[in-house]
Amino acid sequence: MAVVVSAHTGWGIPSATLGGRKIGTCTITFDASYLSGGETFAATAIPGLNKLDVLVQIGGTTGGYVIHYDYTNELLIAYWVDTTVDGAPLKAVTSTTNLSAVAPKFLYIGS
């Protein structure tokens, strides 16, 4: 299943067009078996978009996970903090991790 996208306008940022670009917010829900290296996520996963210029997680972390969008490879990559090691950098989530309770909010700009 990978990820599911749902539009959202409850943060005071309605979907809009500005300078020929579409701006809006959405929630992206992960499934129960994360793929090591990231979940495939093309711009077309957001209704009405063909190209993503910006995809930024907003509203803090979800369950302690931080999601990064790799524009070159069109991947959503999940990271977590290993709290057993002081000062450790974020670590990539390993394959088959259940992220089904992770549904971060994003701001997007695209065309």
Protein backbone atom coordinates (compact mmCIF):
# COMPACT_ATOMS: atom_id res chain seq x y z
CA MET A 1 0.00 0.00 0.00
CA ALA A 2 2.91 2.41 0.76
CA VAL A 3 1.43 5.84 1.61
CA VAL A 4 -1.99 7.48 1.37
CA VAL A 5 -2.47 11.23 0.82
CA SER A 6 -5.45 13.19 2.03
CA ALA A 7 -6.01 16.91 1.46
CA HIS A 8 -6.42 19.08 4.50
CA THR A 9 -7.35 22.71 4.97
CA GLY A 10 -7.77 22.85 8.75
CA TRP A 11 -4.56 24.73 9.55
CA GLY A 12 -5.62 28.06 8.12
CA ILE A 13 -3.75 27.37 4.90
CA PRO A 14 -6.40 26.74 2.26
CA SER A 15 -5.45 25.27 -1.08
CA ALA A 16 -4.65 28.18 -3.36
CA THR A 17 -2.78 29.23 -6.46
CA LEU A 18 -0.02 31.80 -6.26
CA GLY A 19 2.14 32.83 -9.19
CA GLY A 20 1.00 29.80 -11.19
CA ARG A 21 1.91 27.40 -8.37
CA LYS A 22 -0.52 25.42 -6.23
CA ILE A 23 -0.13 25.73 -2.48
CA GLY A 24 -1.86 23.56 0.07
CA THR A 25 -1.59 21.17 2.96
CA CYS A 26 -2.07 17.45 3.17
CA THR A 27 -1.67 14.50 5.50
CA ILE A 28 0.41 11.54 4.39
CA THR A 29 -0.28 8.25 6.16
CA PHE A 30 2.27 5.44 6.06
CA ASP A 31 1.53 1.71 6.04
CA ALA A 32 2.57 -1.16 8.31
CA SER A 33 5.75 -2.09 6.42
CA TYR A 34 8.10 0.81 5.68
CA LEU A 35 10.60 0.21 2.88
CA SER A 36 14.25 0.71 3.79
CA GLY A 37 15.53 3.74 1.90
CA GLY A 38 12.12 5.40 1.66
CA GLU A 39 8.61 5.12 0.27
CA THR A 40 8.06 6.11 -3.36
CA PHE A 41 6.13 9.39 -3.54
CA ALA A 42 5.57 11.16 -6.85
CA ALA A 43 4.06 14.65 -7.08
CA THR A 44 1.00 13.14 -8.78
CA ALA A 45 0.10 11.48 -5.45
CA ILE A 46 -1.25 14.92 -4.46
CA PRO A 47 -4.41 15.53 -6.52
CA GLY A 48 -3.88 18.20 -9.16
CA LEU A 49 -0.07 18.22 -9.07
CA ASN A 50 2.47 17.09 -11.65
CA LYS A 51 5.58 18.60 -10.04
CA LEU A 52 6.58 19.23 -6.43
CA ASP A 53 8.69 22.30 -5.74
CA VAL A 54 8.36 22.12 -1.94
CA LEU A 55 7.14 19.42 0.44
CA VAL A 56 7.81 20.27 4.07
CA GLN A 57 6.59 18.49 7.19
CA ILE A 58 4.69 20.92 9.43
CA GLY A 59 3.24 20.70 12.90
CA GLY A 60 6.19 18.92 14.49
CA THR A 61 6.97 15.24 14.49
CA THR A 62 4.52 12.36 14.45
CA GLY A 63 5.30 9.64 16.96
CA GLY A 64 8.88 10.86 17.12
CA TYR A 65 9.50 10.42 13.39
CA VAL A 66 10.76 13.15 11.07
CA ILE A 67 9.94 12.77 7.38
CA HIS A 68 12.23 14.12 4.65
CA TYR A 69 11.33 14.31 0.96
CA ASP A 70 14.09 13.34 -1.48
CA TYR A 71 13.14 15.39 -4.58
CA THR A 72 15.66 13.70 -6.88
CA ASN A 73 14.50 10.14 -6.22
CA GLU A 74 10.89 10.99 -5.26
CA LEU A 75 11.07 9.24 -1.88
CA LEU A 76 9.65 9.95 1.57
CA ILE A 77 12.37 8.98 4.03
CA ALA A 78 11.54 8.48 7.70
CA TYR A 79 14.06 9.24 10.45
CA TRP A 80 14.00 8.71 14.21
CA VAL A 81 16.18 9.67 17.17
CA ASP A 82 18.06 6.93 18.98
CA THR A 83 17.57 8.19 22.53
CA THR A 84 19.98 5.59 23.91
CA VAL A 85 22.93 7.53 22.47
CA ASP A 86 23.40 11.15 23.61
CA GLY A 87 23.97 13.50 20.71
CA ALA A 88 23.27 10.85 18.07
CA PRO A 89 22.12 12.16 14.67
CA LEU A 90 18.78 11.09 13.26
CA LYS A 91 18.79 7.51 11.97
CA ALA A 92 16.93 6.20 8.95
CA VAL A 93 14.04 3.91 9.85
CA THR A 94 14.75 0.29 9.00
CA SER A 95 12.84 -1.90 6.57
CA THR A 96 9.49 -3.40 7.63
CA THR A 97 9.02 -0.92 10.51
CA ASN A 98 5.30 -0.44 11.21
CA LEU A 99 4.60 3.26 10.60
CA SER A 100 0.83 2.84 10.18
CA ALA A 101 0.19 5.21 13.12
CA VAL A 102 2.40 7.88 11.50
CA ALA A 103 0.40 10.52 9.61
CA PRO A 104 2.43 13.74 9.38
CA LYS A 105 1.09 16.97 7.96
CA PHE A 106 2.84 18.69 5.05
CA LEU A 107 2.84 22.02 3.28
CA TYR A 108 3.27 21.64 -0.47
CA ILE A 109 3.98 23.98 -3.36
CA GLY A 110 3.89 22.64 -6.89
CA SER A 111 2.43 22.82 -10.34
